Structure formats: structure tokens, C-alpha cells
PDB file of all heavy atoms in Angstrom:
ATOM      1  N   TRP A   1      60.576  61.656 121.739  1.00  0.00           N
ATOM      2  CA  TRP A   1      61.668  62.271 122.486  1.00  0.00           C
ATOM      3  C   TRP A   1      61.491  62.124 123.987  1.00  0.00           C
ATOM      4  O   TRP A   1      62.437  61.785 124.716  1.00  0.00           O
ATOM      5  CB  TRP A   1      61.764  63.743 122.103  1.00  0.00           C
ATOM      6  CG  TRP A   1      62.660  64.527 122.999  1.00  0.00           C
ATOM      7  CD1 TRP A   1      64.011  64.533 123.019  1.00  0.00           C
ATOM      8  CD2 TRP A   1      62.239  65.414 124.060  1.00  0.00           C
ATOM      9  NE1 TRP A   1      64.469  65.362 124.001  1.00  0.00           N
ATOM     10  CE2 TRP A   1      63.417  65.920 124.649  1.00  0.00           C
ATOM     11  CE3 TRP A   1      60.996  65.834 124.511  1.00  0.00           C
ATOM     12  CZ2 TRP A   1      63.372  66.814 125.721  1.00  0.00           C
ATOM     13  CZ3 TRP A   1      60.954  66.724 125.575  1.00  0.00           C
ATOM     14  CH2 TRP A   1      62.122  67.203 126.154  1.00  0.00           C
ATOM     15  N   ILE A   2      60.271  62.336 124.488  1.00  0.00           N
ATOM     16  CA  ILE A   2      59.996  62.208 125.922  1.00  0.00           C
ATOM     17  C   ILE A   2      60.335  60.808 126.404  1.00  0.00           C
ATOM     18  O   ILE A   2      60.962  60.620 127.448  1.00  0.00           O
ATOM     19  CB  ILE A   2      58.501  62.513 126.200  1.00  0.00           C
ATOM     20  CG1 ILE A   2      58.218  64.004 126.109  1.00  0.00           C
ATOM     21  CG2 ILE A   2      58.092  62.016 127.583  1.00  0.00           C
ATOM     22  CD1 ILE A   2      56.743  64.326 126.150  1.00  0.00           C
ATOM     23  N   ARG A   3      59.893  59.841 125.644  1.00  0.00           N
ATOM     24  CA  ARG A   3      60.130  58.449 126.051  1.00  0.00           C
ATOM     25  C   ARG A   3      61.616  58.156 126.205  1.00  0.00           C
ATOM     26  O   ARG A   3      62.040  57.524 127.177  1.00  0.00           O
ATOM     27  CB  ARG A   3      59.532  57.535 124.988  1.00  0.00           C
ATOM     28  CG  ARG A   3      59.800  56.063 125.222  1.00  0.00           C
ATOM     29  CD  ARG A   3      59.556  55.320 123.935  1.00  0.00           C
ATOM     30  NE  ARG A   3      59.828  53.924 124.040  1.00  0.00           N
ATOM     31  CZ  ARG A   3      59.932  53.116 122.993  1.00  0.00           C
ATOM     32  NH1 ARG A   3      59.781  53.614 121.779  1.00  0.00           N
ATOM     33  NH2 ARG A   3      60.183  51.851 123.148  1.00  0.00           N
ATOM     34  N   LYS A   4      62.416  58.638 125.251  1.00  0.00           N
ATOM     35  CA  LYS A   4      63.849  58.362 125.287  1.00  0.00           C
ATOM     36  C   LYS A   4      64.558  59.207 126.342  1.00  0.00           C
ATOM     37  O   LYS A   4      65.330  58.699 127.151  1.00  0.00           O
ATOM     38  CB  LYS A   4      64.460  58.664 123.904  1.00  0.00           C
ATOM     39  CG  LYS A   4      65.961  58.403 123.835  1.00  0.00           C
ATOM     40  CD  LYS A   4      66.501  58.717 122.441  1.00  0.00           C
ATOM     41  CE  LYS A   4      68.008  58.503 122.372  1.00  0.00           C
ATOM     42  NZ  LYS A   4      68.553  58.868 121.035  1.00  0.00           N
ATOM     43  N   ASP A   5      64.230  60.504 126.388  1.00  0.00           N
ATOM     44  CA  ASP A   5      64.960  61.427 127.266  1.00  0.00           C
ATOM     45  C   ASP A   5      64.622  61.228 128.726  1.00  0.00           C
ATOM     46  O   ASP A   5      65.476  61.405 129.598  1.00  0.00           O
ATOM     47  CB  ASP A   5      64.660  62.871 126.859  1.00  0.00           C
ATOM     48  CG  ASP A   5      65.876  63.772 126.959  1.00  0.00           C
ATOM     49  OD1 ASP A   5      66.895  63.426 126.345  1.00  0.00           O
ATOM     50  OD2 ASP A   5      65.810  64.786 127.661  1.00  0.00           O
ATOM     51  N   PHE A   6      63.361  60.856 129.015  1.00  0.00           N
ATOM     52  CA  PHE A   6      62.949  60.667 130.402  1.00  0.00           C
ATOM     53  C   PHE A   6      62.925  59.212 130.811  1.00  0.00           C
ATOM     54  O   PHE A   6      62.524  58.883 131.933  1.00  0.00           O
ATOM     55  CB  PHE A   6      61.569  61.295 130.615  1.00  0.00           C
ATOM     56  CG  PHE A   6      61.567  62.797 130.638  1.00  0.00           C
ATOM     57  CD1 PHE A   6      61.448  63.514 129.451  1.00  0.00           C
ATOM     58  CD2 PHE A   6      61.688  63.494 131.823  1.00  0.00           C
ATOM     59  CE1 PHE A   6      61.451  64.898 129.465  1.00  0.00           C
ATOM     60  CE2 PHE A   6      61.693  64.876 131.841  1.00  0.00           C
ATOM     61  CZ  PHE A   6      61.578  65.591 130.662  1.00  0.00           C
ATOM     62  N   ASP A   7      63.339  58.320 129.912  1.00  0.00           N
ATOM     63  CA  ASP A   7      63.416  56.887 130.190  1.00  0.00           C
ATOM     64  C   ASP A   7      62.063  56.363 130.699  1.00  0.00           C
ATOM     65  O   ASP A   7      61.953  55.777 131.768  1.00  0.00           O
ATOM     66  CB  ASP A   7      64.510  56.593 131.213  1.00  0.00           C
ATOM     67  CG  ASP A   7      64.828  55.102 131.330  1.00  0.00           C
ATOM     68  OD1 ASP A   7      64.560  54.373 130.359  1.00  0.00           O
ATOM     69  OD2 ASP A   7      65.314  54.693 132.397  1.00  0.00           O
ATOM     70  N   LEU A   8      61.031  56.609 129.892  1.00  0.00           N
ATOM     71  CA  LEU A   8      59.663  56.307 130.296  1.00  0.00           C
ATOM     72  C   LEU A   8      59.083  55.124 129.534  1.00  0.00           C
ATOM     73  O   LEU A   8      59.499  54.803 128.412  1.00  0.00           O
ATOM     74  CB  LEU A   8      58.759  57.505 130.010  1.00  0.00           C
ATOM     75  CG  LEU A   8      58.842  58.716 130.937  1.00  0.00           C
ATOM     76  CD1 LEU A   8      57.998  59.831 130.364  1.00  0.00           C
ATOM     77  CD2 LEU A   8      58.396  58.368 132.336  1.00  0.00           C
ATOM     78  N   SER A   9      58.088  54.508 130.144  1.00  0.00           N
ATOM     79  CA  SER A   9      57.152  53.648 129.421  1.00  0.00           C
ATOM     80  C   SER A   9      55.907  54.494 129.175  1.00  0.00           C
ATOM     81  O   SER A   9      55.522  55.288 130.023  1.00  0.00           O
ATOM     82  CB  SER A   9      56.804  52.412 130.255  1.00  0.00           C
ATOM     83  OG  SER A   9      57.970  51.732 130.638  1.00  0.00           O
ATOM     84  N   ILE A  10      55.278  54.315 128.025  1.00  0.00           N
ATOM     85  CA  ILE A  10      54.129  55.145 127.667  1.00  0.00           C
ATOM     86  C   ILE A  10      52.965  54.288 127.183  1.00  0.00           C
ATOM     87  O   ILE A  10      53.159  53.381 126.362  1.00  0.00           O
ATOM     88  CB  ILE A  10      54.495  56.175 126.579  1.00  0.00           C
ATOM     89  CG1 ILE A  10      55.559  57.149 127.114  1.00  0.00           C
ATOM     90  CG2 ILE A  10      53.269  56.958 126.113  1.00  0.00           C
ATOM     91  CD1 ILE A  10      56.052  58.169 126.087  1.00  0.00           C
ATOM     92  N   LEU A  11      51.775  54.588 127.704  1.00  0.00           N
ATOM     93  CA  LEU A  11      50.533  53.989 127.225  1.00  0.00           C
ATOM     94  C   LEU A  11      49.699  55.105 126.621  1.00  0.00           C
ATOM     95  O   LEU A  11      49.482  56.134 127.251  1.00  0.00           O
ATOM     96  CB  LEU A  11      49.797  53.325 128.389  1.00  0.00           C
ATOM     97  CG  LEU A  11      48.393  52.782 128.101  1.00  0.00           C
ATOM     98  CD1 LEU A  11      48.389  51.798 126.954  1.00  0.00           C
ATOM     99  CD2 LEU A  11      47.789  52.156 129.362  1.00  0.00           C
ATOM    100  N   LEU A  12      49.252  54.886 125.402  1.00  0.00           N
ATOM    101  CA  LEU A  12      48.630  55.951 124.617  1.00  0.00           C
ATOM    102  C   LEU A  12      47.253  55.536 124.113  1.00  0.00           C
ATOM    103  O   LEU A  12      47.102  54.487 123.498  1.00  0.00           O
ATOM    104  CB  LEU A  12      49.546  56.274 123.432  1.00  0.00           C
ATOM    105  CG  LEU A  12      49.030  57.184 122.321  1.00  0.00           C
ATOM    106  CD1 LEU A  12      48.977  58.623 122.792  1.00  0.00           C
ATOM    107  CD2 LEU A  12      49.919  57.071 121.083  1.00  0.00           C
ATOM    108  N   ILE A  13      46.241  56.378 124.382  1.00  0.00           N
ATOM    109  CA  ILE A  13      44.953  56.289 123.711  1.00  0.00           C
ATOM    110  C   ILE A  13      44.925  57.373 122.641  1.00  0.00           C
ATOM    111  O   ILE A  13      45.255  58.523 122.915  1.00  0.00           O
ATOM    112  CB  ILE A  13      43.769  56.554 124.666  1.00  0.00           C
ATOM    113  CG1 ILE A  13      43.508  55.373 125.585  1.00  0.00           C
ATOM    114  CG2 ILE A  13      42.495  56.834 123.876  1.00  0.00           C
ATOM    115  CD1 ILE A  13      42.370  55.630 126.562  1.00  0.00           C
ATOM    116  N   GLU A  14      44.529  57.017 121.447  1.00  0.00           N
ATOM    117  CA  GLU A  14      44.491  58.040 120.398  1.00  0.00           C
ATOM    118  C   GLU A  14      43.588  57.583 119.255  1.00  0.00           C
ATOM    119  O   GLU A  14      43.570  56.404 118.894  1.00  0.00           O
ATOM    120  CB  GLU A  14      45.899  58.316 119.885  1.00  0.00           C
ATOM    121  CG  GLU A  14      46.015  59.471 118.902  1.00  0.00           C
ATOM    122  CD  GLU A  14      45.350  60.741 119.399  1.00  0.00           C
ATOM    123  OE1 GLU A  14      45.815  61.311 120.395  1.00  0.00           O
ATOM    124  OE2 GLU A  14      44.342  61.143 118.774  1.00  0.00           O
ATOM    125  N   HIS A  15      42.836  58.532 118.675  1.00  0.00           N
ATOM    126  CA  HIS A  15      42.003  58.250 117.500  1.00  0.00           C
ATOM    127  C   HIS A  15      42.749  58.536 116.205  1.00  0.00           C
ATOM    128  O   HIS A  15      42.380  58.013 115.155  1.00  0.00           O
ATOM    129  CB  HIS A  15      40.716  59.090 117.533  1.00  0.00           C
ATOM    130  CG  HIS A  15      39.662  58.511 118.425  1.00  0.00           C
ATOM    131  ND1 HIS A  15      39.073  57.282 118.195  1.00  0.00           N
ATOM    132  CD2 HIS A  15      39.083  58.982 119.554  1.00  0.00           C
ATOM    133  CE1 HIS A  15      38.187  57.027 119.120  1.00  0.00           C
ATOM    134  NE2 HIS A  15      38.168  58.049 119.972  1.00  0.00           N
ATOM    135  N   ASP A  16      43.791  59.342 116.269  1.00  0.00           N
ATOM    136  CA  ASP A  16      44.560  59.684 115.065  1.00  0.00           C
ATOM    137  C   ASP A  16      45.475  58.502 114.723  1.00  0.00           C
ATOM    138  O   ASP A  16      46.496  58.278 115.361  1.00  0.00           O
ATOM    139  CB  ASP A  16      45.389  60.948 115.311  1.00  0.00           C
ATOM    140  CG  ASP A  16      46.012  61.481 114.036  1.00  0.00           C
ATOM    141  OD1 ASP A  16      46.646  60.689 113.316  1.00  0.00           O
ATOM    142  OD2 ASP A  16      45.891  62.694 113.767  1.00  0.00           O
ATOM    143  N   MET A  17      45.080  57.754 113.703  1.00  0.00           N
ATOM    144  CA  MET A  17      45.791  56.520 113.372  1.00  0.00           C
ATOM    145  C   MET A  17      47.216  56.774 112.865  1.00  0.00           C
ATOM    146  O   MET A  17      48.091  55.946 113.050  1.00  0.00           O
ATOM    147  CB  MET A  17      45.009  55.694 112.349  1.00  0.00           C
ATOM    148  CG  MET A  17      43.765  55.042 112.909  1.00  0.00           C
ATOM    149  SD  MET A  17      44.130  53.856 114.230  1.00  0.00           S
ATOM    150  CE  MET A  17      43.663  54.809 115.670  1.00  0.00           C
ATOM    151  N   SER A  18      47.438  57.936 112.251  1.00  0.00           N
ATOM    152  CA  SER A  18      48.792  58.238 111.788  1.00  0.00           C
ATOM    153  C   SER A  18      49.738  58.359 112.977  1.00  0.00           C
ATOM    154  O   SER A  18      50.890  57.931 112.926  1.00  0.00           O
ATOM    155  CB  SER A  18      48.804  59.534 110.958  1.00  0.00           C
ATOM    156  OG  SER A  18      48.429  60.652 111.756  1.00  0.00           O
ATOM    157  N   LEU A  19      49.255  58.930 114.064  1.00  0.00           N
ATOM    158  CA  LEU A  19      50.058  59.054 115.286  1.00  0.00           C
ATOM    159  C   LEU A  19      50.278  57.686 115.914  1.00  0.00           C
ATOM    160  O   LEU A  19      51.408  57.322 116.258  1.00  0.00           O
ATOM    161  CB  LEU A  19      49.360  59.996 116.281  1.00  0.00           C
ATOM    162  CG  LEU A  19      50.014  60.144 117.654  1.00  0.00           C
ATOM    163  CD1 LEU A  19      51.425  60.687 117.539  1.00  0.00           C
ATOM    164  CD2 LEU A  19      49.175  61.042 118.552  1.00  0.00           C
ATOM    165  N   VAL A  20      49.222  56.911 116.065  1.00  0.00           N
ATOM    166  CA  VAL A  20      49.316  55.600 116.691  1.00  0.00           C
ATOM    167  C   VAL A  20      50.275  54.691 115.917  1.00  0.00           C
ATOM    168  O   VAL A  20      51.172  54.070 116.480  1.00  0.00           O
ATOM    169  CB  VAL A  20      47.927  54.933 116.792  1.00  0.00           C
ATOM    170  CG1 VAL A  20      48.044  53.493 117.272  1.00  0.00           C
ATOM    171  CG2 VAL A  20      47.023  55.724 117.723  1.00  0.00           C
ATOM    172  N   MET A  21      50.062  54.623 114.599  1.00  0.00           N
ATOM    173  CA  MET A  21      50.908  53.747 113.785  1.00  0.00           C
ATOM    174  C   MET A  21      52.346  54.262 113.701  1.00  0.00           C
ATOM    175  O   MET A  21      53.273  53.490 113.476  1.00  0.00           O
ATOM    176  CB  MET A  21      50.308  53.633 112.370  1.00  0.00           C
ATOM    177  CG  MET A  21      48.932  53.001 112.333  1.00  0.00           C
ATOM    178  SD  MET A  21      48.963  51.258 112.855  1.00  0.00           S
ATOM    179  CE  MET A  21      47.193  50.895 112.936  1.00  0.00           C
ATOM    180  N   GLY A  22      52.525  55.583 113.895  1.00  0.00           N
ATOM    181  CA  GLY A  22      53.842  56.161 113.767  1.00  0.00           C
ATOM    182  C   GLY A  22      54.729  56.015 114.985  1.00  0.00           C
ATOM    183  O   GLY A  22      55.960  56.027 114.866  1.00  0.00           O
ATOM    184  N   VAL A  23      54.133  55.867 116.200  1.00  0.00           N
ATOM    185  CA  VAL A  23      54.947  55.841 117.400  1.00  0.00           C
ATOM    186  C   VAL A  23      54.853  54.549 118.209  1.00  0.00           C
ATOM    187  O   VAL A  23      55.782  54.211 118.953  1.00  0.00           O
ATOM    188  CB  VAL A  23      54.638  57.034 118.341  1.00  0.00           C
ATOM    189  CG1 VAL A  23      54.915  58.364 117.650  1.00  0.00           C
ATOM    190  CG2 VAL A  23      53.224  56.981 118.878  1.00  0.00           C
ATOM    191  N   CYS A  24      53.735  53.829 118.102  1.00  0.00           N
ATOM    192  CA  CYS A  24      53.519  52.668 118.976  1.00  0.00           C
ATOM    193  C   CYS A  24      54.235  51.429 118.470  1.00  0.00           C
ATOM    194  O   CYS A  24      54.258  51.151 117.260  1.00  0.00           O
ATOM    195  CB  CYS A  24      52.021  52.378 119.118  1.00  0.00           C
ATOM    196  SG  CYS A  24      51.115  53.667 119.996  1.00  0.00           S
TER     197      CYS A  24
END
């Protein structure tokens, strides 16, 4: 939602693979 509503580019570090695979 943040990415769409604020018109952002996002770089994400994360160990939770469900999150990474779900949003990236």
C-alpha cells in the first residue's frame, strides 16, 4: 500500500522469505 499510495520505489532487506517472495 505504501508503495502505491506514496508513489515510492522500495529496497527491502528481509529474512522472512514469505514476505520477500510475496511483495518483491
